[in-house]
Structures are given as C-alpha cells and as structure tokens.
N, C-alpha and C. Protein backbone atom coordinates (compact mmCIF):
# COMPACT_ATOMS: atom_id res chain seq x y z
N MET A 1 36.84 93.22 0.38
CA MET A 1 36.00 93.24 1.56
C MET A 1 36.63 92.35 2.63
N LEU A 2 36.59 92.82 3.83
CA LEU A 2 37.16 92.08 4.96
C LEU A 2 36.16 91.03 5.43
N GLU A 3 36.58 89.79 5.40
CA GLU A 3 35.70 88.71 5.83
C GLU A 3 36.10 88.23 7.22
N ARG A 4 35.28 87.38 7.79
CA ARG A 4 35.48 86.94 9.17
C ARG A 4 36.84 86.28 9.40
N PRO A 5 37.27 85.34 8.56
CA PRO A 5 38.59 84.72 8.81
C PRO A 5 39.73 85.75 8.78
N ASP A 6 39.63 86.74 7.91
CA ASP A 6 40.66 87.77 7.86
C ASP A 6 40.67 88.60 9.15
N ALA A 7 39.50 88.91 9.66
CA ALA A 7 39.41 89.69 10.90
C ALA A 7 39.97 88.92 12.08
N VAL A 8 39.71 87.62 12.12
CA VAL A 8 40.22 86.80 13.22
C VAL A 8 41.74 86.72 13.16
N LEU A 9 42.27 86.51 11.95
CA LEU A 9 43.72 86.44 11.81
C LEU A 9 44.39 87.77 12.13
N ALA A 10 43.72 88.87 11.90
CA ALA A 10 44.27 90.17 12.25
C ALA A 10 44.16 90.45 13.75
N ALA A 11 43.13 89.92 14.39
CA ALA A 11 42.91 90.19 15.81
C ALA A 11 43.90 89.46 16.71
N ILE A 12 44.38 88.31 16.30
CA ILE A 12 45.26 87.51 17.16
C ILE A 12 46.55 88.25 17.50
N PRO A 13 47.34 88.75 16.53
CA PRO A 13 48.56 89.47 16.91
C PRO A 13 48.28 90.80 17.61
N VAL A 14 47.16 91.44 17.25
CA VAL A 14 46.82 92.70 17.92
C VAL A 14 46.56 92.46 19.40
N LEU A 15 45.83 91.41 19.71
CA LEU A 15 45.58 91.08 21.12
C LEU A 15 46.86 90.69 21.84
N ALA A 16 47.72 89.95 21.16
CA ALA A 16 48.96 89.51 21.80
C ALA A 16 49.86 90.68 22.16
N VAL A 17 49.88 91.70 21.33
CA VAL A 17 50.74 92.86 21.57
C VAL A 17 50.08 93.88 22.48
N SER A 18 48.76 93.85 22.58
CA SER A 18 48.05 94.87 23.34
C SER A 18 48.43 94.88 24.82
N GLY A 19 48.64 93.72 25.42
CA GLY A 19 49.01 93.68 26.82
C GLY A 19 50.37 94.31 27.07
N ILE A 20 51.32 94.01 26.20
CA ILE A 20 52.66 94.58 26.35
C ILE A 20 52.63 96.09 26.11
N ALA A 21 51.87 96.52 25.12
CA ALA A 21 51.77 97.96 24.82
C ALA A 21 51.12 98.71 25.98
N LEU A 22 50.06 98.16 26.54
CA LEU A 22 49.40 98.81 27.67
C LEU A 22 50.32 98.87 28.89
N ARG A 23 51.07 97.80 29.12
CA ARG A 23 52.02 97.79 30.24
C ARG A 23 53.10 98.86 30.04
N THR A 24 53.58 99.01 28.81
CA THR A 24 54.60 100.02 28.52
C THR A 24 54.07 101.43 28.75
N VAL A 25 52.84 101.67 28.32
CA VAL A 25 52.24 103.00 28.52
C VAL A 25 52.08 103.30 30.01
N ILE A 26 51.64 102.34 30.79
CA ILE A 26 51.46 102.57 32.22
C ILE A 26 52.81 102.80 32.90
N ALA A 27 53.80 102.02 32.53
CA ALA A 27 55.12 102.18 33.14
C ALA A 27 55.77 103.50 32.73
N ALA A 28 55.55 103.93 31.50
CA ALA A 28 56.16 105.18 31.02
C ALA A 28 55.54 106.40 31.67
N THR A 29 54.26 106.36 31.92
CA THR A 29 53.61 107.52 32.54
C THR A 29 53.85 107.58 34.04
N GLY A 30 54.18 106.46 34.64
CA GLY A 30 54.44 106.45 36.07
C GLY A 30 53.18 106.47 36.90
N VAL A 31 52.03 106.21 36.28
CA VAL A 31 50.77 106.24 37.01
C VAL A 31 50.67 105.07 37.99
N ALA A 32 51.15 103.93 37.57
CA ALA A 32 51.05 102.74 38.42
C ALA A 32 52.44 102.16 38.65
N THR A 33 52.52 101.31 39.61
CA THR A 33 53.79 100.66 39.89
C THR A 33 53.97 99.47 38.96
N GLY A 34 55.16 98.91 38.94
CA GLY A 34 55.42 97.74 38.13
C GLY A 34 54.60 96.54 38.57
N LEU A 35 54.29 96.49 39.85
CA LEU A 35 53.49 95.39 40.37
C LEU A 35 52.08 95.42 39.80
N LEU A 36 51.55 96.61 39.61
CA LEU A 36 50.21 96.74 39.04
C LEU A 36 50.21 96.40 37.56
N ALA A 37 51.25 96.78 36.84
CA ALA A 37 51.31 96.58 35.40
C ALA A 37 51.81 95.19 35.01
N ALA A 38 52.36 94.44 35.93
CA ALA A 38 52.96 93.14 35.61
C ALA A 38 51.98 92.16 34.96
N PRO A 39 50.76 92.01 35.44
CA PRO A 39 49.86 91.02 34.82
C PRO A 39 49.38 91.42 33.43
N LEU A 40 49.54 92.66 33.04
CA LEU A 40 49.02 93.11 31.75
C LEU A 40 49.76 92.49 30.58
N ALA A 41 51.02 92.17 30.74
CA ALA A 41 51.77 91.58 29.63
C ALA A 41 51.21 90.20 29.27
N THR A 42 50.87 89.42 30.25
CA THR A 42 50.32 88.10 29.97
C THR A 42 48.85 88.15 29.59
N LEU A 43 48.17 89.22 29.94
CA LEU A 43 46.76 89.33 29.61
C LEU A 43 46.51 89.33 28.11
N GLY A 44 47.38 89.98 27.35
CA GLY A 44 47.23 89.99 25.90
C GLY A 44 47.41 88.61 25.30
N TRP A 45 48.39 87.87 25.79
CA TRP A 45 48.62 86.52 25.29
C TRP A 45 47.45 85.60 25.63
N VAL A 46 46.92 85.76 26.82
CA VAL A 46 45.77 84.94 27.22
C VAL A 46 44.56 85.26 26.35
N ALA A 47 44.35 86.53 26.04
CA ALA A 47 43.23 86.91 25.17
C ALA A 47 43.42 86.35 23.77
N ALA A 48 44.65 86.39 23.25
CA ALA A 48 44.91 85.82 21.92
C ALA A 48 44.67 84.31 21.91
N LEU A 49 45.12 83.62 22.95
CA LEU A 49 44.88 82.18 23.03
C LEU A 49 43.39 81.86 23.18
N ALA A 50 42.66 82.73 23.87
CA ALA A 50 41.21 82.53 24.00
C ALA A 50 40.52 82.66 22.65
N VAL A 51 40.95 83.62 21.84
CA VAL A 51 40.37 83.77 20.51
C VAL A 51 40.67 82.55 19.65
N ILE A 52 41.90 82.04 19.73
CA ILE A 52 42.26 80.85 18.96
C ILE A 52 41.42 79.65 19.41
N GLY A 53 41.31 79.46 20.69
CA GLY A 53 40.49 78.35 21.21
C GLY A 53 39.03 78.48 20.83
N TRP A 54 38.50 79.69 20.91
CA TRP A 54 37.10 79.94 20.53
C TRP A 54 36.88 79.61 19.06
N GLU A 55 37.80 80.04 18.22
CA GLU A 55 37.66 79.78 16.79
C GLU A 55 37.77 78.29 16.48
N LEU A 56 38.62 77.58 17.19
CA LEU A 56 38.75 76.15 16.95
C LEU A 56 37.52 75.37 17.39
N LEU A 57 36.86 75.84 18.43
CA LEU A 57 35.73 75.09 18.97
C LEU A 57 34.37 75.52 18.44
N VAL A 58 34.22 76.81 18.10
CA VAL A 58 32.88 77.33 17.83
C VAL A 58 32.69 77.88 16.43
N ASN A 59 33.73 78.15 15.69
CA ASN A 59 33.57 78.82 14.40
C ASN A 59 32.79 77.96 13.41
N PRO A 60 32.33 78.56 12.32
CA PRO A 60 31.50 77.81 11.36
C PRO A 60 32.19 76.60 10.75
N ALA A 61 33.50 76.64 10.54
CA ALA A 61 34.20 75.51 9.95
C ALA A 61 34.17 74.30 10.88
N SER A 62 34.29 74.53 12.18
CA SER A 62 34.26 73.39 13.10
C SER A 62 32.86 72.80 13.20
N THR A 63 31.83 73.62 13.10
CA THR A 63 30.47 73.06 13.14
C THR A 63 30.15 72.32 11.86
N ARG A 64 30.65 72.80 10.73
CA ARG A 64 30.44 72.07 9.47
C ARG A 64 31.18 70.75 9.49
N ALA A 65 32.35 70.71 10.07
CA ALA A 65 33.11 69.45 10.16
C ALA A 65 32.37 68.45 11.05
N GLY A 66 31.73 68.94 12.09
CA GLY A 66 30.96 68.07 12.97
C GLY A 66 29.73 67.49 12.28
N GLU A 67 29.14 68.24 11.37
CA GLU A 67 27.96 67.76 10.66
C GLU A 67 28.32 66.67 9.66
N ARG A 68 29.54 66.73 9.09
CA ARG A 68 29.96 65.73 8.11
C ARG A 68 30.29 64.39 8.75
N ALA A 69 30.73 64.45 10.00
CA ALA A 69 31.16 63.20 10.67
C ALA A 69 30.00 62.34 11.09
C-alpha cells in the first residue's frame, strides 16, 4: 500500500521534471515562443522545493517533534 511518505518522495522528482517536460512540449509544437516557455523550466523546480519546504514545516513528523521538545 502506498503511504504518505512514499507519495511525497515520488512527487518531488515528478514535479522537478514536469516544468522541463512541459517546456519541451510547448517548444516542439511551436505553439508558443521560447520567451513564453522559458519560465516553465524553473517552475517545476520551484514546485518541488515548495513540497520539500512544506513537508519539513508542516508534516506529521515535524509536529510530533515539536510536541516532544
């Protein structure tokens, strides 16, 4: 069974690659210019870092650690 920590660990690389993949799809189809697709590559990394930060600050392990202190 897939538990929460496993899902979080799987989501981080998926988010990191998603921006680059979306940028590649837009550039390959020619729908948008490179200027429009440029911020998408960093968007995935920012989303992955946001998930990491959220997990460090809000997840159940951090709240349990705060209760012990």
